[in-house]
Protein backbone atom coordinates (compact mmCIF):
# COMPACT_ATOMS: atom_id res chain seq x y z
CA MET A 1 -35.21 -53.46 65.74
CA GLN A 2 -36.81 -50.50 63.91
CA GLU A 3 -38.85 -51.41 60.84
CA ALA A 4 -37.08 -50.39 57.57
CA LEU A 5 -38.71 -48.58 54.66
CA SER A 6 -38.45 -49.91 51.19
CA LEU A 7 -36.80 -47.69 48.64
CA TYR A 8 -40.10 -47.32 46.85
CA GLU A 9 -41.83 -46.26 50.08
CA LEU A 10 -39.06 -43.80 50.83
CA ASN A 11 -39.26 -42.29 47.38
CA ARG A 12 -43.04 -42.16 47.62
CA GLN A 13 -42.85 -40.24 50.90
CA VAL A 14 -40.22 -37.93 49.48
CA ALA A 15 -42.41 -37.37 46.44
CA ARG A 16 -45.37 -36.56 48.69
CA ALA A 17 -43.24 -34.11 50.67
CA VAL A 18 -41.95 -32.51 47.50
CA MET A 19 -45.45 -32.15 46.13
CA GLN A 20 -46.61 -30.56 49.38
CA GLN A 21 -43.59 -28.18 49.52
CA PHE A 22 -43.66 -27.25 45.82
CA SER A 23 -47.30 -27.46 44.95
CA ALA A 24 -47.09 -24.56 42.44
CA PRO A 25 -44.65 -23.99 39.58
CA LEU A 26 -41.59 -21.84 40.37
CA TRP A 27 -38.90 -20.03 38.42
CA VAL A 28 -35.43 -21.60 38.45
CA THR A 29 -32.18 -20.34 36.83
CA ALA A 30 -29.65 -22.83 35.52
CA GLU A 31 -27.38 -23.69 32.62
CA ILE A 32 -28.32 -26.28 30.01
CA ALA A 33 -25.69 -29.01 30.08
CA GLN A 34 -27.42 -31.39 27.68
CA LEU A 35 -30.53 -31.21 25.51
CA GLY A 36 -32.16 -33.74 23.20
CA VAL A 37 -35.54 -34.31 21.60
CA ALA A 38 -36.79 -37.88 21.56
CA ALA A 39 -38.71 -39.51 18.72
CA ASN A 40 -41.90 -39.20 20.76
CA GLY A 41 -41.52 -35.39 20.82
CA HIS A 42 -40.46 -35.02 24.45
CA CYS A 43 -37.45 -32.76 25.11
CA TYR A 44 -35.04 -34.03 27.76
CA LEU A 45 -32.50 -31.75 29.42
CA GLU A 46 -29.82 -31.81 32.06
CA LEU A 47 -29.54 -28.60 34.03
CA ILE A 48 -26.49 -27.60 36.02
CA GLU A 49 -25.15 -24.72 38.06
CA LYS A 50 -21.47 -23.80 38.18
CA GLN A 51 -19.33 -22.06 40.72
CA PRO A 52 -18.62 -18.66 39.06
CA ARG A 53 -14.93 -18.47 40.00
CA THR A 54 -13.78 -22.04 39.39
CA GLY A 55 -16.43 -23.29 36.96
CA ALA A 56 -17.01 -26.41 39.07
CA THR A 57 -20.49 -27.91 38.91
CA THR A 58 -22.30 -27.29 42.19
CA ALA A 59 -25.76 -28.65 41.29
CA ARG A 60 -27.30 -30.98 38.73
CA CYS A 61 -30.88 -31.86 37.81
CA LYS A 62 -32.80 -33.70 35.11
CA ALA A 63 -35.61 -31.83 33.35
CA MET A 64 -38.05 -32.41 30.55
CA ILE A 65 -40.50 -30.52 28.38
CA TRP A 66 -43.41 -32.72 27.36
CA ALA A 67 -44.24 -33.11 23.71
CA ASN A 68 -47.48 -31.18 24.06
CA ARG A 69 -45.59 -28.07 25.27
CA TRP A 70 -42.22 -28.38 23.55
CA PRO A 71 -43.17 -26.72 20.19
CA LEU A 72 -44.75 -23.72 21.96
CA VAL A 73 -41.85 -23.29 24.42
CA LYS A 74 -39.31 -23.60 21.60
CA GLU A 75 -41.09 -21.12 19.33
CA THR A 76 -41.64 -18.58 22.11
CA PHE A 77 -38.01 -18.76 23.22
CA GLU A 78 -36.60 -18.39 19.71
CA TYR A 79 -38.88 -15.49 18.94
CA GLY A 80 -37.99 -13.71 22.17
CA THR A 81 -34.23 -14.17 21.65
CA GLY A 82 -34.14 -13.25 17.99
CA GLY A 83 -33.76 -16.82 16.75
CA GLN A 84 -31.59 -18.34 19.47
CA SER A 85 -32.12 -22.09 19.68
CA LEU A 86 -32.15 -23.87 22.98
CA THR A 87 -28.73 -25.51 23.10
CA ALA A 88 -26.20 -26.69 25.63
CA GLY A 89 -24.29 -23.85 27.25
CA LEU A 90 -27.17 -21.41 27.46
CA LYS A 91 -28.19 -19.96 30.78
CA VAL A 92 -31.96 -20.07 31.16
CA MET A 93 -34.74 -19.16 33.54
CA VAL A 94 -37.40 -21.86 33.47
CA LEU A 95 -40.87 -22.08 34.97
CA ALA A 96 -41.16 -25.66 36.20
CA ASN A 97 -43.00 -28.04 38.44
CA VAL A 98 -40.80 -29.95 40.86
CA THR A 99 -41.53 -33.65 40.53
CA MET A 100 -40.37 -36.73 42.33
CA HIS A 101 -41.01 -40.13 40.75
CA GLU A 102 -40.53 -43.27 42.75
CA ALA A 103 -38.66 -44.99 39.88
CA TYR A 104 -36.97 -42.07 38.10
CA GLY A 105 -36.19 -39.75 40.96
CA TYR A 106 -36.16 -35.97 41.21
CA SER A 107 -36.65 -33.82 38.11
CA LEU A 108 -38.18 -30.61 36.81
CA SER A 109 -41.11 -30.53 34.43
CA ILE A 110 -40.61 -27.30 32.45
CA ILE A 111 -43.69 -25.32 31.51
CA ASP A 112 -42.08 -22.17 30.08
CA ILE A 113 -38.68 -20.48 29.54
CA GLU A 114 -38.16 -16.74 29.92
CA PRO A 115 -36.21 -15.53 26.82
CA THR A 116 -35.30 -12.12 28.21
CA TYR A 117 -33.21 -13.73 30.95
CA THR A 118 -31.13 -15.62 28.40
CA VAL A 119 -30.72 -12.51 26.26
CA GLY A 120 -29.62 -10.54 29.29
CA GLU A 121 -27.22 -13.28 30.32
CA MET A 122 -25.75 -13.41 26.83
CA GLN A 123 -25.32 -9.64 26.87
CA ARG A 124 -23.69 -9.74 30.30
CA ASN A 125 -21.35 -12.45 29.06
CA ARG A 126 -20.54 -10.38 25.99
CA LEU A 127 -19.79 -7.27 28.04
CA GLU A 128 -17.60 -9.33 30.39
CA ILE A 129 -15.58 -10.62 27.44
CA ILE A 130 -15.13 -7.09 26.10
CA ARG A 131 -14.05 -5.84 29.55
CA ARG A 132 -11.59 -8.70 29.93
CA LEU A 133 -10.04 -8.11 26.50
CA THR A 134 -9.81 -4.40 27.27
CA ASP A 135 -8.09 -5.02 30.61
CA GLU A 136 -5.63 -7.34 28.88
CA GLY A 137 -4.83 -4.68 26.28
CA MET A 138 -6.02 -6.89 23.41
CA ILE A 139 -9.19 -5.09 22.30
CA GLU A 140 -7.26 -2.83 19.88
CA ALA A 141 -4.46 -5.27 18.94
CA ASN A 142 -5.69 -6.35 15.52
CA ARG A 143 -7.37 -3.04 14.75
CA SER A 144 -4.03 -1.29 15.24
CA LEU A 145 -2.41 -3.33 12.45
CA PRO A 146 -2.03 -1.24 9.27
CA LEU A 147 -4.03 -2.53 6.34
CA PRO A 148 -1.82 -3.22 3.32
CA ARG A 149 -2.48 -0.82 0.46
CA LEU A 150 -2.98 -3.83 -1.80
CA ILE A 151 -5.08 -6.58 -0.22
CA GLN A 152 -4.86 -9.14 -2.99
CA ARG A 153 -3.89 -12.42 -1.27
CA ILE A 154 -6.76 -13.42 0.98
CA ALA A 155 -7.12 -16.30 3.45
CA ILE A 156 -10.80 -17.10 3.87
CA VAL A 157 -12.37 -18.73 6.93
CA SER A 158 -15.82 -20.03 6.01
CA ALA A 159 -17.88 -23.15 5.54
CA ASP A 160 -16.98 -24.57 2.14
CA THR A 161 -20.63 -25.12 1.16
CA ALA A 162 -21.96 -21.82 2.51
CA ALA A 163 -23.82 -19.57 0.10
CA GLY A 164 -22.07 -16.56 1.62
CA TYR A 165 -18.69 -18.01 0.65
CA GLY A 166 -19.89 -18.54 -2.93
CA ASP A 167 -21.29 -15.00 -3.10
CA PHE A 168 -18.02 -13.58 -1.76
CA CYS A 169 -15.86 -15.42 -4.33
CA HIS A 170 -18.25 -14.62 -7.19
CA GLN A 171 -18.25 -10.93 -6.40
CA LEU A 172 -14.46 -10.82 -6.16
CA ALA A 173 -14.01 -12.68 -9.45
CA ASN A 174 -16.55 -10.63 -11.40
CA ASN A 175 -15.80 -7.10 -10.26
CA GLU A 176 -16.32 -4.31 -12.80
CA TRP A 177 -12.67 -3.22 -12.60
CA GLY A 178 -11.29 -6.55 -13.76
CA LEU A 179 -9.19 -6.80 -10.58
CA ARG A 180 -7.66 -10.17 -9.76
CA PHE A 181 -7.52 -11.65 -6.25
CA TYR A 182 -5.81 -14.78 -4.94
CA THR A 183 -8.01 -16.57 -2.38
CA HIS A 184 -7.58 -19.76 -0.38
CA LEU A 185 -10.29 -21.31 1.78
CA PHE A 186 -9.53 -22.61 5.26
CA ALA A 187 -12.79 -24.45 5.87
CA ALA A 188 -14.45 -24.21 9.28
CA ARG A 189 -17.83 -24.86 10.85
CA MET A 190 -19.68 -21.57 11.09
CA GLN A 191 -22.75 -22.75 13.00
CA GLY A 192 -23.34 -24.83 16.09
CA GLU A 193 -21.39 -25.74 19.18
CA GLN A 194 -18.16 -26.52 17.28
CA THR A 195 -17.94 -23.10 15.60
CA GLU A 196 -15.57 -21.53 18.11
CA GLN A 197 -12.99 -24.34 18.06
CA SER A 198 -13.30 -24.86 14.30
CA VAL A 199 -12.60 -21.21 13.49
CA ILE A 200 -9.65 -21.14 15.91
CA GLU A 201 -8.18 -24.21 14.20
CA ALA A 202 -8.59 -22.53 10.80
CA LEU A 203 -6.76 -19.46 12.10
CA ASN A 204 -3.97 -21.69 13.39
CA ARG A 205 -3.58 -23.21 9.93
CA ILE A 206 -3.40 -19.77 8.36
CA TYR A 207 -0.81 -18.72 10.94
CA LEU A 208 1.56 -21.40 9.63
CA HIS A 209 1.45 -19.77 6.16
CA GLN A 210 0.88 -16.15 7.10
CA GLU A 211 3.62 -14.86 4.74
CA LEU A 212 1.46 -15.95 1.78
CA PHE A 213 -1.45 -13.64 2.64
CA ASP A 214 -2.21 -9.94 3.03
CA ALA A 215 -5.29 -10.38 5.24
CA VAL A 216 -7.78 -12.87 6.68
CA VAL A 217 -11.50 -12.73 5.91
CA ILE A 218 -13.96 -14.50 8.22
CA ILE A 219 -17.34 -14.73 6.50
CA ARG A 220 -20.69 -16.35 7.15
CA GLY A 221 -23.96 -15.89 5.31
CA GLY A 222 -27.22 -14.76 6.83
CA GLY A 223 -29.15 -16.78 9.35
CA ALA A 224 -30.71 -16.62 12.77
CA VAL A 225 -29.22 -14.03 15.07
CA ALA A 226 -28.75 -16.68 17.71
CA ASP A 227 -26.49 -18.69 15.42
CA LEU A 228 -23.92 -15.93 15.84
CA ASN A 229 -23.46 -16.43 19.57
CA SER A 230 -20.36 -18.50 18.87
CA PHE A 231 -18.70 -15.27 17.76
CA ASP A 232 -19.27 -13.79 21.24
CA SER A 233 -16.45 -15.99 22.49
CA TYR A 234 -13.46 -14.92 24.53
CA GLU A 235 -11.08 -17.55 23.11
CA LEU A 236 -12.06 -16.84 19.50
CA ALA A 237 -11.93 -13.07 20.03
CA LEU A 238 -8.51 -13.40 21.67
CA ASN A 239 -7.21 -15.39 18.69
CA VAL A 240 -8.49 -12.77 16.25
CA ALA A 241 -7.17 -9.87 18.33
CA ASN A 242 -3.75 -11.48 18.58
CA PHE A 243 -3.52 -12.55 14.93
CA PRO A 244 -0.52 -11.09 13.04
CA LEU A 245 -2.52 -10.34 9.88
CA PRO A 246 -5.43 -7.87 9.63
CA VAL A 247 -8.74 -9.70 10.05
CA ILE A 248 -11.86 -8.63 8.13
CA VAL A 249 -15.15 -9.95 9.52
CA GLY A 250 -18.40 -10.24 7.58
CA ILE A 251 -20.64 -12.70 9.38
CA GLY A 252 -24.03 -11.81 7.97
CA HIS A 253 -26.00 -9.98 10.61
CA GLU A 254 -27.76 -6.68 11.09
CA ARG A 255 -27.92 -6.57 14.88
CA ASP A 256 -25.34 -5.04 17.21
CA ASN A 257 -21.80 -6.16 16.57
CA THR A 258 -20.47 -9.36 18.10
CA VAL A 259 -17.26 -9.39 20.11
CA LEU A 260 -15.51 -10.65 16.98
CA ASP A 261 -16.64 -7.53 15.11
CA ILE A 262 -15.23 -5.35 17.86
CA VAL A 263 -11.73 -6.88 17.88
CA ALA A 264 -11.40 -7.35 14.09
CA ASN A 265 -9.43 -4.88 12.01
CA VAL A 266 -12.45 -4.27 9.74
CA SER A 267 -16.08 -5.27 10.36
CA VAL A 268 -18.78 -5.33 7.70
CA LYS A 269 -22.29 -6.77 7.75
CA THR A 270 -22.19 -9.49 5.10
CA PRO A 271 -19.80 -11.58 2.96
CA THR A 272 -20.72 -9.52 -0.11
CA ALA A 273 -19.96 -6.34 1.86
CA ALA A 274 -16.53 -7.81 2.68
CA ALA A 275 -15.96 -8.46 -1.03
CA ALA A 276 -17.15 -4.93 -1.86
CA PHE A 277 -14.72 -3.49 0.72
CA LEU A 278 -11.77 -5.37 -0.82
CA ILE A 279 -12.77 -4.42 -4.36
CA GLU A 280 -13.28 -0.78 -3.44
CA ARG A 281 -9.91 -0.63 -1.70
CA MET A 282 -8.14 -2.17 -4.70
CA ALA A 283 -10.12 0.06 -7.08
CA ASP A 284 -9.00 3.13 -5.11
CA GLU A 285 -5.39 2.01 -5.50
CA LEU A 286 -5.95 1.35 -9.20
CA SER A 287 -7.53 4.79 -9.58
CA LEU A 288 -4.57 6.32 -7.76
CA VAL A 289 -2.14 4.48 -10.05
CA ASN A 290 -4.12 5.56 -13.11
CA ASN A 291 -4.13 9.16 -11.91
CA LEU A 292 -0.41 9.04 -11.24
CA GLN A 293 0.10 7.47 -14.65
CA LYS A 294 -1.96 10.23 -16.27
CA ILE A 295 -0.10 12.92 -14.32
CA THR A 296 3.22 11.36 -15.28
CA LEU A 297 2.16 11.00 -18.92
CA ASP A 298 0.88 14.59 -19.07
CA ALA A 299 4.06 15.87 -17.40
CA THR A 300 6.19 13.81 -19.78
CA ARG A 301 4.29 15.04 -22.82
CA SER A 302 4.52 18.62 -21.58
CA ARG A 303 8.24 18.23 -20.99
CA ILE A 304 8.70 16.65 -24.44
CA ASP A 305 6.76 19.53 -26.03
CA ARG A 306 8.90 22.09 -24.18
CA GLU A 307 12.09 20.32 -25.17
CA ARG A 308 10.87 19.95 -28.76
CA ASN A 309 10.10 23.68 -28.93
CA ALA A 310 13.46 24.48 -27.39
CA LEU A 311 15.14 22.15 -29.88
CA GLU A 312 13.29 23.79 -32.75
CA ARG A 313 14.36 27.22 -31.54
CA LEU A 314 17.90 26.00 -31.18
CA THR A 315 17.74 24.39 -34.61
CA HIS A 316 16.52 27.64 -36.13
CA ALA A 317 19.22 29.51 -34.26
CA VAL A 318 21.86 27.05 -35.42
CA GLU A 319 20.54 27.17 -38.96
CA GLY A 320 20.64 31.00 -38.85
CA THR A 321 24.11 30.89 -37.37
CA HIS A 322 25.19 28.40 -40.03
CA THR A 323 23.85 30.68 -42.73
CA ARG A 324 25.58 33.68 -41.16
CA ILE A 325 28.78 31.71 -40.84
CA GLY A 326 28.48 30.75 -44.52
CA GLN A 327 28.02 34.39 -45.41
CA LEU A 328 30.99 35.39 -43.27
CA ILE A 329 33.07 32.64 -44.83
CA ASN A 330 32.13 33.91 -48.31
CA GLN A 331 32.95 37.45 -47.24
CA LEU A 332 36.20 36.22 -45.76
CA THR A 333 37.02 34.41 -48.99
CA LEU A 334 36.30 37.55 -50.98
CA HIS A 335 38.40 39.61 -48.59
CA ARG A 336 41.19 37.08 -48.82
CA GLU A 337 41.08 37.12 -52.61
CA ARG A 338 40.95 40.90 -52.58
CA ILE A 339 43.83 41.12 -50.12
CA THR A 340 45.79 38.65 -52.18
CA LEU A 341 45.19 40.69 -55.31
CA LEU A 342 46.04 43.92 -53.50
CA LEU A 343 49.16 42.36 -52.06
CA ARG A 344 50.16 41.13 -55.49
CA HIS A 345 49.66 44.60 -56.99
CA ARG A 346 51.44 46.21 -54.07
CA MET A 347 54.32 43.77 -54.39
CA GLU A 348 54.57 44.51 -58.07
CA ARG A 349 54.60 48.26 -57.40
CA GLU A 350 57.10 47.90 -54.60
CA THR A 351 59.24 45.66 -56.82
CA GLN A 352 59.19 48.28 -59.56
CA THR A 353 59.97 51.03 -57.06
CA LEU A 354 62.80 48.98 -55.64
CA ALA A 355 64.18 48.32 -59.09
CA PHE A 356 63.95 52.04 -59.83
CA HIS A 357 65.80 52.87 -56.66
CA GLU A 358 68.37 50.23 -57.40
CA ARG A 359 69.00 51.75 -60.83
CA THR A 360 69.13 55.19 -59.30
CA ILE A 361 71.60 54.02 -56.71
CA ALA A 362 73.62 52.25 -59.34
CA LEU A 363 73.76 55.39 -61.44
CA SER A 364 74.79 57.34 -58.36
CA GLN A 365 77.89 55.20 -57.83
CA PRO A 366 81.16 57.29 -58.27
CA GLU A 367 82.47 55.03 -61.02
CA ASN A 368 79.31 55.53 -63.01
CA ILE A 369 79.46 59.30 -62.52
CA LEU A 370 83.09 59.35 -63.59
CA ARG A 371 82.22 57.49 -66.76
CA ARG A 372 79.91 60.32 -67.71
CA GLY A 373 82.89 62.76 -67.77
CA PHE A 374 82.87 63.86 -64.23
CA SER A 375 85.98 63.81 -62.00
CA ILE A 376 86.68 63.92 -58.29
CA THR A 377 89.26 66.30 -56.80
CA ARG A 378 90.69 65.45 -53.39
CA ARG A 379 93.03 67.28 -51.07
CA ASN A 380 94.67 65.27 -48.41
CA GLY A 381 92.28 62.40 -49.32
CA LYS A 382 89.18 64.52 -48.93
CA ALA A 383 86.95 65.55 -51.79
CA VAL A 384 87.12 69.26 -52.71
CA THR A 385 83.62 70.62 -53.17
CA SER A 386 84.49 74.34 -53.49
CA ALA A 387 87.28 76.19 -55.25
CA ASN A 388 87.45 78.59 -52.34
CA ALA A 389 88.67 75.74 -50.20
CA LEU A 390 91.95 75.57 -52.19
CA HIS A 391 94.98 77.74 -51.66
CA PRO A 392 97.94 78.33 -53.90
CA GLY A 393 100.52 75.65 -53.47
CA ASP A 394 98.02 72.99 -52.41
CA ILE A 395 98.61 69.58 -53.92
CA ILE A 396 95.40 68.05 -55.22
CA GLU A 397 94.60 64.71 -56.72
CA THR A 398 92.12 64.36 -59.55
CA GLU A 399 90.40 61.08 -60.33
CA THR A 400 88.77 60.43 -63.70
CA ALA A 401 87.10 57.38 -65.15
CA ASP A 402 90.33 55.99 -66.52
CA GLY A 403 92.86 57.11 -63.87
CA LYS A 404 94.26 59.63 -61.42
CA PHE A 405 96.72 62.57 -61.68
CA THR A 406 98.25 65.13 -59.26
CA SER A 407 98.31 68.95 -59.65
CA ARG A 408 99.49 72.00 -57.77
CA VAL A 409 97.28 75.00 -57.23
CA GLU A 410 98.78 78.29 -58.51
C-alpha cells in the first residue's frame, strides 16, 4: 500500500511548488467581491471573476493588503482615480505575490493596485450603459418631456441631512423675487453601495403621487468624484429615463457628466445650481407676466384715453347740437308766434273782406235794388235790357218793389 501524505505535507509541497512557479509578483485583474479592514490595520478582500455574458462567478480567491502597505495603496489608488474608494464591485488590477499557507490555503498578498485600470474599466462600463440605453431608445426619453412653464411643485430626492439639500431649500425659499415653491423630500442614500437602490425606491414613491408634482430634482452635495459612481448605473439611469415627470439632476461634481446627467431632462453641476435654474425659470415667467401686465395696462390706458377724448368730442358736439337745437327751437317759437299773429291779422282782413262782399252781394239782390226805386221789365219772362228789343204790341211785365203790372208797347 502506497504511503499517504498528510494534509499539512500536501499543502507544504503545494506551497513550495507555488513559490517556485510564482517567485516574483505578478499583475492580476479581478473584481472585488468583499473588502474589510481589521482592527489590526490589515485589509482583507475576496476577489472574483465573472462570466461576462451570464454573470456567473468563474473564479474566487482570498487576498490581503498588510497593514504596513494598506495606507499607501489606499491613498495612491484614491488619488489616481479622483477619490474613488476601494469598495466591493470595483474591477481592479493588482500587483500581488501568490502565497500558499499550509493552514490558510491559497491567497494573494497585494503589493499595489493600478488605478488607471479601474478608471478605464469604469469608463468602459459607463460607455456600455450609454450604448445600451441608446439601443433601447431610452437615452432621450426623459429629455424629450416638455418642461412645464411653471415648475413650482418639486419632488426632491436627496439625503435628508445633506448640506446640499439644505442649501437647495434655503436658496429656493430666499430668492430675491419672492417666489414661492412647494417642495417635498423623498429621502434616499446618496453615497455608498445602497445609493442606486435607494434612489430607485425614492423614484417609485414619487411615481405613486406624480400628479402632485411638476418635476423631480435629484441633488447631492459635493464630495469625492468616486462617490458618484453609483450614478453611472444602468438600472438607475433607466428609471430616470423612463420617469413620467421631467428630472433635474444636480449631484455636485465638476467632472464629465455621469450617465444620470445624460438621461435627465436637465443637468446642472450642484444643488444650488438646480435651485438657481428653477428660480430663473420662474423669474422669467414672472417677468413675462409683468411685461404682459404692463402691455395690457398701457393698452388699456391708451384705449381709455382715446375713448375719453372721443367722448369729450362727442360731448362737445352734443352740447353744440343742443345749443343749436335750442336756438332753432327759439327761432321756431318766434316763427310760430309770428305766423300766428300774421294768420290772425290775415283772418281779420279776410273776415272784413268777406263781410264787405256779403254786404255788396246783399245790396245787389233784386229785391234790394227794387227798394231803391228801380224796376225790372220782362218780356216773355225774360228781362228787357234795351228798348230796341221791344216792338209795338209787345206785352211786357214790370216788377217794382211793391208789386207787378202789365203794359203794351205802342
